[in-house]
């Protein structure tokens, strides 16, 4: 009984505190404000409470898997989706790479759905707990894909090396003669290309994530055994 309580505390504190730390260090800033976002984007204050609840659900579900069978495929999938979920915010807000963040959130959605499918027959409650999480991840995927959908891809840098949204920066990026100081600008849609990159990069990302997850899984098993 004591070991179960300890493991539950470990999962709760670990997942929630790591999630809160990542959220605090990668808070939306001026760059995010300047982006062209979908019309269904919720206000910024919504994300913190929603993600807090999601992290609690992730922790409880992970704990249930750990107590039931820490070597199961469901447990491994739990670690994979948790790692991918943690990576999205640093990639999107920290590195300011919506395209790459889309790859991670799609991979996270696949991992969450795979977890539900695997856990459904052995831990129905855990699988059901993940259904709202899957819905939120799908919504986050739509938000990520919709960011900058009508932006331009810049081929060549301006004098300052700025690669931000053309719509935001173009009026201010002028040379001495009043003309935009870009080498060239291609008015093409961004996310059809990103989708192709996401599909081609998915196997490598999943392989790397599985390797890192397996290492973390071994450490966690030593700590909690």
C-alpha atoms as a PDB file:
ATOM      1  CA  UNK A   1       0.000   0.000   0.000  1.00  0.00           C
ATOM      2  CA  UNK A   2       2.808   2.412   0.912  1.00  0.00           C
ATOM      3  CA  UNK A   3       4.618   1.662  -2.348  1.00  0.00           C
ATOM      4  CA  UNK A   4       1.437   2.450  -4.322  1.00  0.00           C
ATOM      5  CA  UNK A   5       0.998   5.756  -2.534  1.00  0.00           C
ATOM      6  CA  UNK A   6       4.656   6.616  -3.115  1.00  0.00           C
ATOM      7  CA  UNK A   7       4.456   5.736  -6.807  1.00  0.00           C
ATOM      8  CA  UNK A   8       1.263   7.796  -7.196  1.00  0.00           C
ATOM      9  CA  UNK A   9       2.977  10.805  -5.596  1.00  0.00           C
ATOM     10  CA  UNK A  10       5.992  10.249  -7.852  1.00  0.00           C
ATOM     11  CA  UNK A  11       3.837  10.301 -10.990  1.00  0.00           C
ATOM     12  CA  UNK A  12       1.708  13.236  -9.850  1.00  0.00           C
ATOM     13  CA  UNK A  13       4.610  15.438  -8.775  1.00  0.00           C
ATOM     14  CA  UNK A  14       6.826  14.404 -11.657  1.00  0.00           C
ATOM     15  CA  UNK A  15       4.352  14.981 -14.471  1.00  0.00           C
ATOM     16  CA  UNK A  16       2.648  18.081 -13.061  1.00  0.00           C
ATOM     17  CA  UNK A  17       5.841  19.833 -11.926  1.00  0.00           C
ATOM     18  CA  UNK A  18       7.684  19.111 -15.166  1.00  0.00           C
ATOM     19  CA  UNK A  19       4.683  20.284 -17.164  1.00  0.00           C
ATOM     20  CA  UNK A  20       4.370  23.458 -15.096  1.00  0.00           C
ATOM     21  CA  UNK A  21       8.097  24.162 -15.406  1.00  0.00           C
ATOM     22  CA  UNK A  22       7.987  23.756 -19.180  1.00  0.00           C
ATOM     23  CA  UNK A  23       4.893  25.968 -19.370  1.00  0.00           C
ATOM     24  CA  UNK A  24       6.501  28.655 -17.210  1.00  0.00           C
ATOM     25  CA  UNK A  25       9.764  28.723 -19.178  1.00  0.00           C
ATOM     26  CA  UNK A  26       8.049  28.741 -22.585  1.00  0.00           C
ATOM     27  CA  UNK A  27       5.218  31.194 -22.019  1.00  0.00           C
ATOM     28  CA  UNK A  28       3.717  32.859 -25.136  1.00  0.00           C
ATOM     29  CA  UNK A  29       5.409  36.135 -25.893  1.00  0.00           C
ATOM     30  CA  UNK A  30       5.577  38.808 -28.558  1.00  0.00           C
ATOM     31  CA  UNK A  31       6.382  36.258 -31.272  1.00  0.00           C
ATOM     32  CA  UNK A  32       3.213  34.267 -30.579  1.00  0.00           C
ATOM     33  CA  UNK A  33       1.124  37.437 -30.436  1.00  0.00           C
ATOM     34  CA  UNK A  34       2.371  38.451 -33.883  1.00  0.00           C
ATOM     35  CA  UNK A  35       1.362  35.156 -35.522  1.00  0.00           C
ATOM     36  CA  UNK A  36      -1.715  34.723 -37.690  1.00  0.00           C
ATOM     37  CA  UNK A  37      -3.795  32.314 -35.606  1.00  0.00           C
ATOM     38  CA  UNK A  38      -7.001  30.403 -36.421  1.00  0.00           C
ATOM     39  CA  UNK A  39     -10.302  32.040 -35.506  1.00  0.00           C
ATOM     40  CA  UNK A  40     -11.034  29.250 -32.995  1.00  0.00           C
ATOM     41  CA  UNK A  41      -7.880  29.926 -30.958  1.00  0.00           C
ATOM     42  CA  UNK A  42      -8.895  30.221 -27.275  1.00  0.00           C
ATOM     43  CA  UNK A  43      -7.570  33.056 -25.086  1.00  0.00           C
ATOM     44  CA  UNK A  44      -4.155  32.474 -23.520  1.00  0.00           C
ATOM     45  CA  UNK A  45      -5.529  32.067 -19.984  1.00  0.00           C
ATOM     46  CA  UNK A  46      -7.369  28.883 -21.012  1.00  0.00           C
ATOM     47  CA  UNK A  47      -4.223  26.856 -21.646  1.00  0.00           C
ATOM     48  CA  UNK A  48      -2.756  26.817 -18.119  1.00  0.00           C
ATOM     49  CA  UNK A  49      -5.778  25.322 -16.284  1.00  0.00           C
ATOM     50  CA  UNK A  50      -6.546  22.911 -19.131  1.00  0.00           C
ATOM     51  CA  UNK A  51      -2.991  21.609 -19.268  1.00  0.00           C
ATOM     52  CA  UNK A  52      -2.871  21.311 -15.465  1.00  0.00           C
ATOM     53  CA  UNK A  53      -5.927  19.035 -15.533  1.00  0.00           C
ATOM     54  CA  UNK A  54      -4.476  17.127 -18.488  1.00  0.00           C
ATOM     55  CA  UNK A  55      -1.189  16.562 -16.643  1.00  0.00           C
ATOM     56  CA  UNK A  56      -3.078  15.236 -13.596  1.00  0.00           C
ATOM     57  CA  UNK A  57      -4.986  12.823 -15.844  1.00  0.00           C
ATOM     58  CA  UNK A  58      -1.734  11.751 -17.538  1.00  0.00           C
ATOM     59  CA  UNK A  59      -0.124  11.139 -14.140  1.00  0.00           C
ATOM     60  CA  UNK A  60      -3.025   9.076 -12.771  1.00  0.00           C
ATOM     61  CA  UNK A  61      -3.241   6.990 -15.943  1.00  0.00           C
ATOM     62  CA  UNK A  62       0.506   6.402 -15.955  1.00  0.00           C
ATOM     63  CA  UNK A  63       0.398   5.348 -12.326  1.00  0.00           C
ATOM     64  CA  UNK A  64      -2.380   2.872 -13.038  1.00  0.00           C
ATOM     65  CA  UNK A  65      -0.297   1.342 -15.833  1.00  0.00           C
ATOM     66  CA  UNK A  66       2.754   1.184 -13.583  1.00  0.00           C
ATOM     67  CA  UNK A  67       0.908  -0.616 -10.796  1.00  0.00           C
ATOM     68  CA  UNK A  68      -0.776  -3.041 -13.210  1.00  0.00           C
ATOM     69  CA  UNK A  69       2.215  -3.934 -15.403  1.00  0.00           C
ATOM     70  CA  UNK A  70       5.222  -1.643 -15.657  1.00  0.00           C
ATOM     71  CA  UNK A  71       6.631  -3.657 -18.573  1.00  0.00           C
ATOM     72  CA  UNK A  72       3.492  -3.494 -20.704  1.00  0.00           C
ATOM     73  CA  UNK A  73       3.186  -1.896 -24.125  1.00  0.00           C
ATOM     74  CA  UNK A  74       0.656   0.535 -22.635  1.00  0.00           C
ATOM     75  CA  UNK A  75       3.284   1.718 -20.147  1.00  0.00           C
ATOM     76  CA  UNK A  76       5.815   2.276 -22.915  1.00  0.00           C
ATOM     77  CA  UNK A  77       3.259   4.151 -25.004  1.00  0.00           C
ATOM     78  CA  UNK A  78       2.461   6.282 -21.958  1.00  0.00           C
ATOM     79  CA  UNK A  79       6.099   7.348 -21.712  1.00  0.00           C
ATOM     80  CA  UNK A  80       6.234   8.056 -25.449  1.00  0.00           C
ATOM     81  CA  UNK A  81       3.166  10.296 -25.503  1.00  0.00           C
ATOM     82  CA  UNK A  82       4.272  12.077 -22.323  1.00  0.00           C
ATOM     83  CA  UNK A  83       7.684  12.851 -23.795  1.00  0.00           C
ATOM     84  CA  UNK A  84       6.151  14.103 -27.050  1.00  0.00           C
ATOM     85  CA  UNK A  85       3.633  16.214 -25.142  1.00  0.00           C
ATOM     86  CA  UNK A  86       6.413  17.812 -23.093  1.00  0.00           C
ATOM     87  CA  UNK A  87       8.423  18.565 -26.243  1.00  0.00           C
ATOM     88  CA  UNK A  88       5.674  20.465 -28.067  1.00  0.00           C
ATOM     89  CA  UNK A  89       5.825  23.690 -26.042  1.00  0.00           C
ATOM     90  CA  UNK A  90       9.642  24.122 -26.173  1.00  0.00           C
ATOM     91  CA  UNK A  91       9.601  23.495 -29.921  1.00  0.00           C
ATOM     92  CA  UNK A  92       6.645  25.800 -30.623  1.00  0.00           C
ATOM     93  CA  UNK A  93       7.197  28.648 -28.149  1.00  0.00           C
ATOM     94  CA  UNK A  94      10.878  28.212 -27.302  1.00  0.00           C
ATOM     95  CA  UNK A  95      12.369  27.420 -30.707  1.00  0.00           C
ATOM     96  CA  UNK A  96       9.525  29.263 -32.481  1.00  0.00           C
ATOM     97  CA  UNK A  97       9.127  26.451 -34.998  1.00  0.00           C
ATOM     98  CA  UNK A  98       5.400  25.831 -35.656  1.00  0.00           C
ATOM     99  CA  UNK A  99       6.151  23.439 -38.492  1.00  0.00           C
ATOM    100  CA  UNK A 100       8.359  21.181 -36.371  1.00  0.00           C
ATOM    101  CA  UNK A 101       5.920  21.501 -33.469  1.00  0.00           C
ATOM    102  CA  UNK A 102       3.216  20.173 -35.779  1.00  0.00           C
ATOM    103  CA  UNK A 103       5.308  17.038 -36.316  1.00  0.00           C
ATOM    104  CA  UNK A 104       5.574  16.481 -32.568  1.00  0.00           C
ATOM    105  CA  UNK A 105       1.902  17.103 -31.811  1.00  0.00           C
ATOM    106  CA  UNK A 106       0.805  14.747 -34.600  1.00  0.00           C
ATOM    107  CA  UNK A 107       3.168  12.104 -33.219  1.00  0.00           C
ATOM    108  CA  UNK A 108       1.760  12.734 -29.732  1.00  0.00           C
ATOM    109  CA  UNK A 109      -1.801  12.293 -31.019  1.00  0.00           C
ATOM    110  CA  UNK A 110      -0.858   8.999 -32.675  1.00  0.00           C
ATOM    111  CA  UNK A 111       0.764   7.806 -29.425  1.00  0.00           C
ATOM    112  CA  UNK A 112      -2.276   8.820 -27.342  1.00  0.00           C
ATOM    113  CA  UNK A 113      -4.679   7.000 -29.656  1.00  0.00           C
ATOM    114  CA  UNK A 114      -2.384   3.958 -29.659  1.00  0.00           C
ATOM    115  CA  UNK A 115      -2.351   3.988 -25.860  1.00  0.00           C
ATOM    116  CA  UNK A 116      -6.153   4.079 -25.738  1.00  0.00           C
ATOM    117  CA  UNK A 117      -6.365   1.170 -28.167  1.00  0.00           C
ATOM    118  CA  UNK A 118      -3.829  -0.933 -26.241  1.00  0.00           C
ATOM    119  CA  UNK A 119      -5.209  -0.117 -22.774  1.00  0.00           C
ATOM    120  CA  UNK A 120      -8.890  -0.457 -23.658  1.00  0.00           C
ATOM    121  CA  UNK A 121      -9.148  -4.174 -22.900  1.00  0.00           C
ATOM    122  CA  UNK A 122      -6.912  -4.221 -19.799  1.00  0.00           C
ATOM    123  CA  UNK A 123      -7.551  -0.850 -18.142  1.00  0.00           C
ATOM    124  CA  UNK A 124     -10.827   0.563 -19.418  1.00  0.00           C
ATOM    125  CA  UNK A 125     -10.820   3.427 -16.893  1.00  0.00           C
ATOM    126  CA  UNK A 126      -7.328   4.517 -17.918  1.00  0.00           C
ATOM    127  CA  UNK A 127      -8.308   4.411 -21.571  1.00  0.00           C
ATOM    128  CA  UNK A 128     -11.480   6.420 -20.898  1.00  0.00           C
ATOM    129  CA  UNK A 129      -9.485   9.006 -18.934  1.00  0.00           C
ATOM    130  CA  UNK A 130      -7.363   9.528 -22.023  1.00  0.00           C
ATOM    131  CA  UNK A 131     -10.322  10.244 -24.322  1.00  0.00           C
ATOM    132  CA  UNK A 132     -10.596  13.957 -23.323  1.00  0.00           C
ATOM    133  CA  UNK A 133      -6.809  14.146 -23.582  1.00  0.00           C
ATOM    134  CA  UNK A 134      -6.991  12.749 -27.114  1.00  0.00           C
ATOM    135  CA  UNK A 135      -9.646  15.334 -28.000  1.00  0.00           C
ATOM    136  CA  UNK A 136      -7.497  18.153 -26.603  1.00  0.00           C
ATOM    137  CA  UNK A 137      -4.428  16.874 -28.467  1.00  0.00           C
ATOM    138  CA  UNK A 138      -6.450  16.792 -31.690  1.00  0.00           C
ATOM    139  CA  UNK A 139      -7.555  20.374 -30.988  1.00  0.00           C
ATOM    140  CA  UNK A 140      -3.926  21.365 -30.306  1.00  0.00           C
ATOM    141  CA  UNK A 141      -2.981  19.749 -33.618  1.00  0.00           C
ATOM    142  CA  UNK A 142      -5.571  21.863 -35.433  1.00  0.00           C
ATOM    143  CA  UNK A 143      -4.333  25.005 -33.678  1.00  0.00           C
ATOM    144  CA  UNK A 144      -0.710  24.256 -34.544  1.00  0.00           C
ATOM    145  CA  UNK A 145      -1.544  23.482 -38.169  1.00  0.00           C
ATOM    146  CA  UNK A 146      -3.603  26.662 -38.434  1.00  0.00           C
ATOM    147  CA  UNK A 147      -0.899  29.017 -37.185  1.00  0.00           C
ATOM    148  CA  UNK A 148       0.533  30.988 -40.059  1.00  0.00           C
ATOM    149  CA  UNK A 149      -1.492  29.120 -42.687  1.00  0.00           C
ATOM    150  CA  UNK A 150      -1.657  32.220 -44.841  1.00  0.00           C
ATOM    151  CA  UNK A 151       1.860  33.432 -44.133  1.00  0.00           C
ATOM    152  CA  UNK A 152       4.515  33.670 -46.792  1.00  0.00           C
ATOM    153  CA  UNK A 153       7.649  31.600 -46.944  1.00  0.00           C
ATOM    154  CA  UNK A 154      10.639  33.852 -47.176  1.00  0.00           C
ATOM    155  CA  UNK A 155      13.379  32.750 -49.561  1.00  0.00           C
ATOM    156  CA  UNK A 156      16.332  34.849 -48.502  1.00  0.00           C
ATOM    157  CA  UNK A 157      16.846  37.010 -45.438  1.00  0.00           C
ATOM    158  CA  UNK A 158      16.447  40.710 -44.966  1.00  0.00           C
ATOM    159  CA  UNK A 159      19.298  42.798 -43.672  1.00  0.00           C
ATOM    160  CA  UNK A 160      18.612  41.983 -40.015  1.00  0.00           C
ATOM    161  CA  UNK A 161      18.203  38.226 -40.565  1.00  0.00           C
ATOM    162  CA  UNK A 162      14.561  38.344 -39.517  1.00  0.00           C
ATOM    163  CA  UNK A 163      12.513  35.251 -40.388  1.00  0.00           C
ATOM    164  CA  UNK A 164       9.273  36.224 -38.690  1.00  0.00           C
ATOM    165  CA  UNK A 165       5.865  36.513 -40.277  1.00  0.00           C
ATOM    166  CA  UNK A 166       6.061  38.478 -43.514  1.00  0.00           C
ATOM    167  CA  UNK A 167       2.712  40.082 -42.772  1.00  0.00           C
ATOM    168  CA  UNK A 168       4.081  41.347 -39.465  1.00  0.00           C
ATOM    169  CA  UNK A 169       7.539  42.424 -40.570  1.00  0.00           C
ATOM    170  CA  UNK A 170       7.197  43.484 -44.188  1.00  0.00           C
ATOM    171  CA  UNK A 171       6.051  47.075 -43.506  1.00  0.00           C
ATOM    172  CA  UNK A 172       9.079  47.669 -41.265  1.00  0.00           C
ATOM    173  CA  UNK A 173      11.654  45.871 -43.435  1.00  0.00           C
ATOM    174  CA  UNK A 174      12.453  48.611 -45.907  1.00  0.00           C
ATOM    175  CA  UNK A 175      15.720  49.626 -47.469  1.00  0.00           C
ATOM    176  CA  UNK A 176      16.799  53.215 -47.943  1.00  0.00           C
ATOM    177  CA  UNK A 177      14.747  53.516 -51.138  1.00  0.00           C
ATOM    178  CA  UNK A 178      11.586  52.367 -49.401  1.00  0.00           C
ATOM    179  CA  UNK A 179      11.613  48.884 -50.988  1.00  0.00           C
ATOM    180  CA  UNK A 180      11.537  45.667 -48.950  1.00  0.00           C
ATOM    181  CA  UNK A 181      15.086  44.462 -48.382  1.00  0.00           C
ATOM    182  CA  UNK A 182      14.380  40.791 -49.186  1.00  0.00           C
ATOM    183  CA  UNK A 183      16.422  38.818 -51.680  1.00  0.00           C
ATOM    184  CA  UNK A 184      13.257  37.163 -52.901  1.00  0.00           C
ATOM    185  CA  UNK A 185       9.822  36.236 -51.581  1.00  0.00           C
ATOM    186  CA  UNK A 186       7.810  33.260 -52.673  1.00  0.00           C
ATOM    187  CA  UNK A 187       4.096  33.533 -51.946  1.00  0.00           C
ATOM    188  CA  UNK A 188       3.438  29.884 -51.283  1.00  0.00           C
ATOM    189  CA  UNK A 189       1.374  28.071 -48.688  1.00  0.00           C
ATOM    190  CA  UNK A 190       3.412  26.669 -45.851  1.00  0.00           C
ATOM    191  CA  UNK A 191       1.612  23.710 -44.360  1.00  0.00           C
ATOM    192  CA  UNK A 192       1.151  21.363 -47.318  1.00  0.00           C
ATOM    193  CA  UNK A 193       4.953  21.201 -47.326  1.00  0.00           C
ATOM    194  CA  UNK A 194       5.065  20.824 -43.539  1.00  0.00           C
ATOM    195  CA  UNK A 195       2.616  17.933 -43.718  1.00  0.00           C
ATOM    196  CA  UNK A 196       4.888  16.128 -46.175  1.00  0.00           C
ATOM    197  CA  UNK A 197       7.888  16.749 -43.923  1.00  0.00           C
ATOM    198  CA  UNK A 198       5.916  15.510 -40.909  1.00  0.00           C
ATOM    199  CA  UNK A 199       5.052  12.235 -42.622  1.00  0.00           C
ATOM    200  CA  UNK A 200       8.622  11.613 -43.783  1.00  0.00           C
ATOM    201  CA  UNK A 201      10.158  12.551 -40.416  1.00  0.00           C
ATOM    202  CA  UNK A 202       7.708  10.605 -38.245  1.00  0.00           C
ATOM    203  CA  UNK A 203       9.593   7.255 -38.225  1.00  0.00           C
ATOM    204  CA  UNK A 204      12.861   8.887 -37.161  1.00  0.00           C
ATOM    205  CA  UNK A 205      11.184  10.974 -34.463  1.00  0.00           C
ATOM    206  CA  UNK A 206       9.302   7.982 -33.090  1.00  0.00           C
ATOM    207  CA  UNK A 207      12.481   5.866 -33.112  1.00  0.00           C
ATOM    208  CA  UNK A 208      14.451   8.526 -31.226  1.00  0.00           C
ATOM    209  CA  UNK A 209      11.629   9.062 -28.754  1.00  0.00           C
ATOM    210  CA  UNK A 210      11.301   5.325 -28.114  1.00  0.00           C
ATOM    211  CA  UNK A 211      15.035   5.078 -27.399  1.00  0.00           C
ATOM    212  CA  UNK A 212      14.997   7.984 -24.953  1.00  0.00           C
ATOM    213  CA  UNK A 213      11.794   6.688 -23.379  1.00  0.00           C
ATOM    214  CA  UNK A 214      13.303   3.237 -22.847  1.00  0.00           C
ATOM    215  CA  UNK A 215      16.256   4.783 -21.016  1.00  0.00           C
ATOM    216  CA  UNK A 216      13.965   6.871 -18.832  1.00  0.00           C
ATOM    217  CA  UNK A 217      11.805   3.806 -18.224  1.00  0.00           C
ATOM    218  CA  UNK A 218      14.797   1.857 -16.879  1.00  0.00           C
ATOM    219  CA  UNK A 219      15.809   4.698 -14.561  1.00  0.00           C
ATOM    220  CA  UNK A 220      12.256   5.097 -13.255  1.00  0.00           C
ATOM    221  CA  UNK A 221      12.004   1.365 -12.626  1.00  0.00           C
ATOM    222  CA  UNK A 222      15.247   1.417 -10.595  1.00  0.00           C
ATOM    223  CA  UNK A 223      14.097   4.414  -8.543  1.00  0.00           C
ATOM    224  CA  UNK A 224      10.661   2.965  -7.765  1.00  0.00           C
ATOM    225  CA  UNK A 225      11.580  -0.702  -7.338  1.00  0.00           C
END
